[in-house]
Amino acid sequence: MISFYLNILRLLKAIYRASKDPEFRALSILTFILLLSGTIFYSNAEKWNLLDSLYFCAMTMTTVGYGDLAPTSDLSKIFTVIYAFVSIGVFVSLAAKLAAAMMKSRNKT
């Protein structure tokens, strides 16, 4: 259990260190905007509640895709295809920046 807390601390330190990088901040803001816009879209287009919409966006963005929710209208399907391509790329870039910050801290110690 102690190693779990140490890893959380290491992650938080890496996020703090990475937050000084303008590219990391831009990717973080873009990720937030993508989650927010997707949540609003699915809430209106599919009539899902906000939590389900956010959940679907996060599962799509992280490529988990449990399949418990799926778009039903043609407009939603088209939006999902575009959303997946854009959001997966942004999320992977953000994760790579965070991983680089974690590796940088590991190399210093």
N, C-alpha and C. Protein backbone atom coordinates (compact mmCIF):
# COMPACT_ATOMS: atom_id res chain seq x y z
N MET A 1 0.82 -1.20 0.00
CA MET A 1 0.00 0.00 0.00
C MET A 1 0.87 1.26 0.00
N ILE A 2 2.00 1.18 0.66
CA ILE A 2 2.91 2.34 0.69
C ILE A 2 3.42 2.64 -0.71
N SER A 3 3.70 1.60 -1.49
CA SER A 3 4.20 1.84 -2.85
C SER A 3 3.13 2.53 -3.71
N PHE A 4 1.86 2.24 -3.45
CA PHE A 4 0.78 2.91 -4.17
C PHE A 4 0.83 4.42 -3.90
N TYR A 5 0.95 4.79 -2.63
CA TYR A 5 1.00 6.21 -2.28
C TYR A 5 2.26 6.87 -2.81
N LEU A 6 3.37 6.15 -2.83
CA LEU A 6 4.59 6.71 -3.39
C LEU A 6 4.46 6.95 -4.89
N ASN A 7 3.79 6.04 -5.57
CA ASN A 7 3.56 6.23 -7.01
C ASN A 7 2.61 7.38 -7.28
N ILE A 8 1.60 7.54 -6.45
CA ILE A 8 0.69 8.69 -6.59
C ILE A 8 1.46 9.98 -6.38
N LEU A 9 2.32 10.01 -5.37
CA LEU A 9 3.14 11.20 -5.12
C LEU A 9 4.05 11.48 -6.31
N ARG A 10 4.65 10.44 -6.86
CA ARG A 10 5.51 10.61 -8.04
C ARG A 10 4.73 11.15 -9.23
N LEU A 11 3.51 10.65 -9.41
CA LEU A 11 2.65 11.13 -10.49
C LEU A 11 2.30 12.60 -10.30
N LEU A 12 1.94 12.98 -9.08
CA LEU A 12 1.61 14.38 -8.81
C LEU A 12 2.80 15.30 -9.04
N LYS A 13 3.99 14.85 -8.65
CA LYS A 13 5.20 15.63 -8.89
C LYS A 13 5.45 15.78 -10.39
N ALA A 14 5.22 14.71 -11.14
CA ALA A 14 5.41 14.77 -12.59
C ALA A 14 4.40 15.71 -13.23
N ILE A 15 3.17 15.69 -12.75
CA ILE A 15 2.15 16.61 -13.28
C ILE A 15 2.54 18.04 -12.98
N TYR A 16 3.03 18.29 -11.78
CA TYR A 16 3.48 19.64 -11.41
C TYR A 16 4.63 20.08 -12.31
N ARG A 17 5.60 19.20 -12.50
CA ARG A 17 6.76 19.52 -13.33
C ARG A 17 6.33 19.74 -14.78
N ALA A 18 5.45 18.89 -15.28
CA ALA A 18 4.99 19.01 -16.66
C ALA A 18 4.12 20.24 -16.86
N SER A 19 3.45 20.69 -15.81
CA SER A 19 2.57 21.86 -15.95
C SER A 19 3.34 23.13 -16.27
N LYS A 20 4.65 23.12 -16.09
CA LYS A 20 5.47 24.28 -16.45
C LYS A 20 5.73 24.35 -17.94
N ASP A 21 5.49 23.25 -18.65
CA ASP A 21 5.68 23.19 -20.09
C ASP A 21 4.43 23.73 -20.79
N PRO A 22 4.58 24.75 -21.64
CA PRO A 22 3.41 25.32 -22.32
C PRO A 22 2.66 24.31 -23.19
N GLU A 23 3.38 23.38 -23.79
CA GLU A 23 2.72 22.38 -24.63
C GLU A 23 1.86 21.44 -23.78
N PHE A 24 2.33 21.07 -22.60
CA PHE A 24 1.55 20.23 -21.71
C PHE A 24 0.29 20.96 -21.25
N ARG A 25 0.43 22.25 -20.93
CA ARG A 25 -0.75 23.04 -20.53
C ARG A 25 -1.75 23.14 -21.66
N ALA A 26 -1.26 23.35 -22.88
CA ALA A 26 -2.16 23.45 -24.04
C ALA A 26 -2.89 22.13 -24.27
N LEU A 27 -2.16 21.01 -24.15
CA LEU A 27 -2.79 19.70 -24.32
C LEU A 27 -3.80 19.42 -23.22
N SER A 28 -3.50 19.85 -22.00
CA SER A 28 -4.45 19.68 -20.89
C SER A 28 -5.74 20.46 -21.13
N ILE A 29 -5.59 21.68 -21.59
CA ILE A 29 -6.76 22.52 -21.87
C ILE A 29 -7.55 21.92 -23.03
N LEU A 30 -6.85 21.47 -24.06
CA LEU A 30 -7.52 20.87 -25.21
C LEU A 30 -8.26 19.59 -24.80
N THR A 31 -7.65 18.79 -23.93
CA THR A 31 -8.31 17.58 -23.43
C THR A 31 -9.59 17.94 -22.68
N PHE A 32 -9.51 18.95 -21.82
CA PHE A 32 -10.69 19.40 -21.08
C PHE A 32 -11.78 19.89 -22.04
N ILE A 33 -11.39 20.66 -23.05
CA ILE A 33 -12.36 21.17 -24.02
C ILE A 33 -13.01 20.03 -24.80
N LEU A 34 -12.21 19.03 -25.18
CA LEU A 34 -12.76 17.88 -25.89
C LEU A 34 -13.75 17.11 -25.02
N LEU A 35 -13.40 16.89 -23.76
CA LEU A 35 -14.32 16.20 -22.86
C LEU A 35 -15.60 16.99 -22.66
N LEU A 36 -15.47 18.29 -22.47
CA LEU A 36 -16.64 19.15 -22.26
C LEU A 36 -17.54 19.20 -23.50
N SER A 37 -16.94 19.41 -24.66
CA SER A 37 -17.75 19.51 -25.89
C SER A 37 -18.41 18.18 -26.22
N GLY A 38 -17.69 17.08 -26.05
CA GLY A 38 -18.28 15.77 -26.30
C GLY A 38 -19.41 15.46 -25.34
N THR A 39 -19.22 15.82 -24.07
CA THR A 39 -20.25 15.61 -23.07
C THR A 39 -21.52 16.38 -23.41
N ILE A 40 -21.36 17.62 -23.80
CA ILE A 40 -22.51 18.45 -24.17
C ILE A 40 -23.20 17.89 -25.41
N PHE A 41 -22.39 17.49 -26.40
CA PHE A 41 -22.98 16.95 -27.63
C PHE A 41 -23.80 15.70 -27.36
N TYR A 42 -23.21 14.72 -26.67
CA TYR A 42 -23.92 13.46 -26.43
C TYR A 42 -25.12 13.64 -25.51
N SER A 43 -25.01 14.58 -24.60
CA SER A 43 -26.13 14.86 -23.72
C SER A 43 -27.33 15.37 -24.52
N ASN A 44 -27.06 16.20 -25.50
CA ASN A 44 -28.14 16.76 -26.33
C ASN A 44 -28.57 15.81 -27.45
N ALA A 45 -27.62 15.23 -28.15
CA ALA A 45 -27.95 14.41 -29.32
C ALA A 45 -28.50 13.04 -28.95
N GLU A 46 -27.94 12.42 -27.93
CA GLU A 46 -28.36 11.07 -27.55
C GLU A 46 -29.31 11.06 -26.35
N LYS A 47 -29.50 12.23 -25.76
CA LYS A 47 -30.36 12.36 -24.56
C LYS A 47 -29.84 11.53 -23.39
N TRP A 48 -28.48 11.40 -23.30
CA TRP A 48 -27.87 10.75 -22.15
C TRP A 48 -27.70 11.78 -21.05
N ASN A 49 -27.65 11.34 -19.80
CA ASN A 49 -27.38 12.30 -18.74
C ASN A 49 -25.89 12.71 -18.82
N LEU A 50 -25.53 13.73 -18.08
CA LEU A 50 -24.18 14.28 -18.19
C LEU A 50 -23.11 13.27 -17.79
N LEU A 51 -23.37 12.48 -16.77
CA LEU A 51 -22.38 11.50 -16.33
C LEU A 51 -22.16 10.42 -17.39
N ASP A 52 -23.23 9.92 -17.99
CA ASP A 52 -23.09 8.93 -19.06
C ASP A 52 -22.34 9.52 -20.26
N SER A 53 -22.65 10.76 -20.58
CA SER A 53 -21.98 11.42 -21.71
C SER A 53 -20.49 11.59 -21.44
N LEU A 54 -20.14 12.05 -20.24
CA LEU A 54 -18.73 12.20 -19.87
C LEU A 54 -18.03 10.85 -19.86
N TYR A 55 -18.70 9.84 -19.33
CA TYR A 55 -18.15 8.48 -19.29
C TYR A 55 -17.86 7.98 -20.70
N PHE A 56 -18.80 8.16 -21.62
CA PHE A 56 -18.60 7.71 -23.00
C PHE A 56 -17.43 8.44 -23.64
N CYS A 57 -17.32 9.75 -23.40
CA CYS A 57 -16.22 10.53 -23.96
C CYS A 57 -14.87 10.05 -23.42
N ALA A 58 -14.81 9.80 -22.12
CA ALA A 58 -13.56 9.33 -21.52
C ALA A 58 -13.19 7.94 -22.03
N MET A 59 -14.17 7.06 -22.17
CA MET A 59 -13.89 5.71 -22.67
C MET A 59 -13.44 5.74 -24.13
N THR A 60 -14.01 6.64 -24.90
CA THR A 60 -13.60 6.79 -26.29
C THR A 60 -12.21 7.38 -26.38
N MET A 61 -11.96 8.41 -25.60
CA MET A 61 -10.67 9.11 -25.63
C MET A 61 -9.52 8.20 -25.21
N THR A 62 -9.76 7.36 -24.24
CA THR A 62 -8.69 6.48 -23.74
C THR A 62 -8.66 5.14 -24.46
N THR A 63 -9.49 4.96 -25.44
CA THR A 63 -9.62 3.75 -26.27
C THR A 63 -10.03 2.52 -25.47
N VAL A 64 -10.67 2.70 -24.32
CA VAL A 64 -11.15 1.56 -23.54
C VAL A 64 -12.38 0.98 -24.21
N GLY A 65 -13.38 1.79 -24.44
CA GLY A 65 -14.57 1.39 -25.18
C GLY A 65 -15.25 0.13 -24.69
N TYR A 66 -15.87 0.17 -23.53
CA TYR A 66 -16.55 -0.99 -22.98
C TYR A 66 -17.72 -1.46 -23.84
N GLY A 67 -18.35 -0.56 -24.56
CA GLY A 67 -19.46 -0.94 -25.43
C GLY A 67 -20.81 -0.91 -24.76
N ASP A 68 -20.87 -0.43 -23.51
CA ASP A 68 -22.16 -0.37 -22.83
C ASP A 68 -23.01 0.79 -23.32
N LEU A 69 -22.40 1.80 -23.88
CA LEU A 69 -23.11 2.91 -24.51
C LEU A 69 -22.65 2.99 -25.96
N ALA A 70 -23.57 3.31 -26.84
CA ALA A 70 -23.22 3.44 -28.25
C ALA A 70 -24.12 4.49 -28.88
N PRO A 71 -23.57 5.31 -29.76
CA PRO A 71 -24.41 6.30 -30.45
C PRO A 71 -25.41 5.61 -31.37
N THR A 72 -26.59 6.20 -31.47
CA THR A 72 -27.64 5.58 -32.27
C THR A 72 -27.99 6.37 -33.54
N SER A 73 -27.86 7.68 -33.51
CA SER A 73 -28.22 8.48 -34.69
C SER A 73 -27.01 8.59 -35.63
N ASP A 74 -27.31 8.87 -36.89
CA ASP A 74 -26.24 9.02 -37.88
C ASP A 74 -25.32 10.18 -37.53
N LEU A 75 -25.90 11.29 -37.07
CA LEU A 75 -25.11 12.45 -36.69
C LEU A 75 -24.15 12.10 -35.54
N SER A 76 -24.64 11.38 -34.58
CA SER A 76 -23.81 10.98 -33.44
C SER A 76 -22.70 10.03 -33.87
N LYS A 77 -22.98 9.15 -34.80
CA LYS A 77 -21.96 8.23 -35.28
C LYS A 77 -20.85 8.97 -36.03
N ILE A 78 -21.24 9.93 -36.85
CA ILE A 78 -20.25 10.74 -37.57
C ILE A 78 -19.41 11.55 -36.58
N PHE A 79 -20.09 12.17 -35.61
CA PHE A 79 -19.37 12.93 -34.58
C PHE A 79 -18.40 12.03 -33.82
N THR A 80 -18.82 10.81 -33.51
CA THR A 80 -17.97 9.88 -32.75
C THR A 80 -16.72 9.51 -33.52
N VAL A 81 -16.85 9.30 -34.82
CA VAL A 81 -15.68 8.97 -35.64
C VAL A 81 -14.67 10.13 -35.59
N ILE A 82 -15.15 11.32 -35.80
CA ILE A 82 -14.26 12.50 -35.77
C ILE A 82 -13.71 12.70 -34.37
N TYR A 83 -14.57 12.58 -33.37
CA TYR A 83 -14.16 12.75 -31.97
C TYR A 83 -13.08 11.74 -31.58
N ALA A 84 -13.24 10.50 -32.02
CA ALA A 84 -12.26 9.46 -31.68
C ALA A 84 -10.90 9.79 -32.27
N PHE A 85 -10.84 10.13 -33.54
CA PHE A 85 -9.56 10.44 -34.16
C PHE A 85 -8.87 11.62 -33.49
N VAL A 86 -9.62 12.67 -33.21
CA VAL A 86 -9.02 13.86 -32.61
C VAL A 86 -8.65 13.62 -31.15
N SER A 87 -9.59 13.09 -30.37
CA SER A 87 -9.36 12.97 -28.93
C SER A 87 -8.31 11.93 -28.58
N ILE A 88 -8.24 10.84 -29.33
CA ILE A 88 -7.22 9.83 -29.05
C ILE A 88 -5.83 10.42 -29.29
N GLY A 89 -5.68 11.15 -30.36
CA GLY A 89 -4.39 11.79 -30.64
C GLY A 89 -3.97 12.77 -29.56
N VAL A 90 -4.92 13.59 -29.11
CA VAL A 90 -4.62 14.56 -28.06
C VAL A 90 -4.28 13.85 -26.75
N PHE A 91 -5.05 12.82 -26.41
CA PHE A 91 -4.81 12.10 -25.16
C PHE A 91 -3.46 11.40 -25.17
N VAL A 92 -3.10 10.78 -26.28
CA VAL A 92 -1.80 10.10 -26.37
C VAL A 92 -0.67 11.11 -26.25
N SER A 93 -0.82 12.27 -26.86
CA SER A 93 0.20 13.31 -26.74
C SER A 93 0.34 13.78 -25.31
N LEU A 94 -0.77 13.96 -24.63
CA LEU A 94 -0.75 14.37 -23.23
C LEU A 94 -0.10 13.30 -22.36
N ALA A 95 -0.44 12.05 -22.59
CA ALA A 95 0.16 10.96 -21.82
C ALA A 95 1.66 10.85 -22.09
N ALA A 96 2.08 11.08 -23.32
CA ALA A 96 3.51 11.03 -23.65
C ALA A 96 4.27 12.15 -22.94
N LYS A 97 3.68 13.33 -22.89
CA LYS A 97 4.32 14.45 -22.17
C LYS A 97 4.44 14.13 -20.69
N LEU A 98 3.40 13.56 -20.12
CA LEU A 98 3.43 13.19 -18.71
C LEU A 98 4.46 12.09 -18.45
N ALA A 99 4.52 11.12 -19.33
CA ALA A 99 5.51 10.05 -19.17
C ALA A 99 6.93 10.59 -19.28
N ALA A 100 7.14 11.54 -20.18
CA ALA A 100 8.47 12.16 -20.30
C ALA A 100 8.84 12.89 -19.02
N ALA A 101 7.86 13.57 -18.42
CA ALA A 101 8.13 14.27 -17.16
C ALA A 101 8.44 13.28 -16.05
N MET A 102 7.77 12.15 -16.04
CA MET A 102 8.05 11.13 -15.03
C MET A 102 9.43 10.52 -15.22
N MET A 103 9.81 10.28 -16.47
CA MET A 103 11.12 9.72 -16.74
C MET A 103 12.23 10.72 -16.42
N LYS A 104 11.95 11.98 -16.67
CA LYS A 104 12.92 13.03 -16.36
C LYS A 104 13.20 13.08 -14.86
N SER A 105 12.15 12.94 -14.06
CA SER A 105 12.33 12.96 -12.61
C SER A 105 13.07 11.70 -12.15
N ARG A 106 12.84 10.59 -12.82
CA ARG A 106 13.51 9.34 -12.46
C ARG A 106 15.01 9.43 -12.77
N ASN A 107 15.35 10.09 -13.88
CA ASN A 107 16.76 10.21 -14.26
C ASN A 107 17.53 11.17 -13.34
N LYS A 108 16.84 12.12 -12.75
CA LYS A 108 17.49 13.07 -11.85
C LYS A 108 17.87 12.42 -10.51
N THR A 109 17.07 11.44 -10.07
CA THR A 109 17.32 10.83 -8.76
C THR A 109 18.17 9.60 -8.86
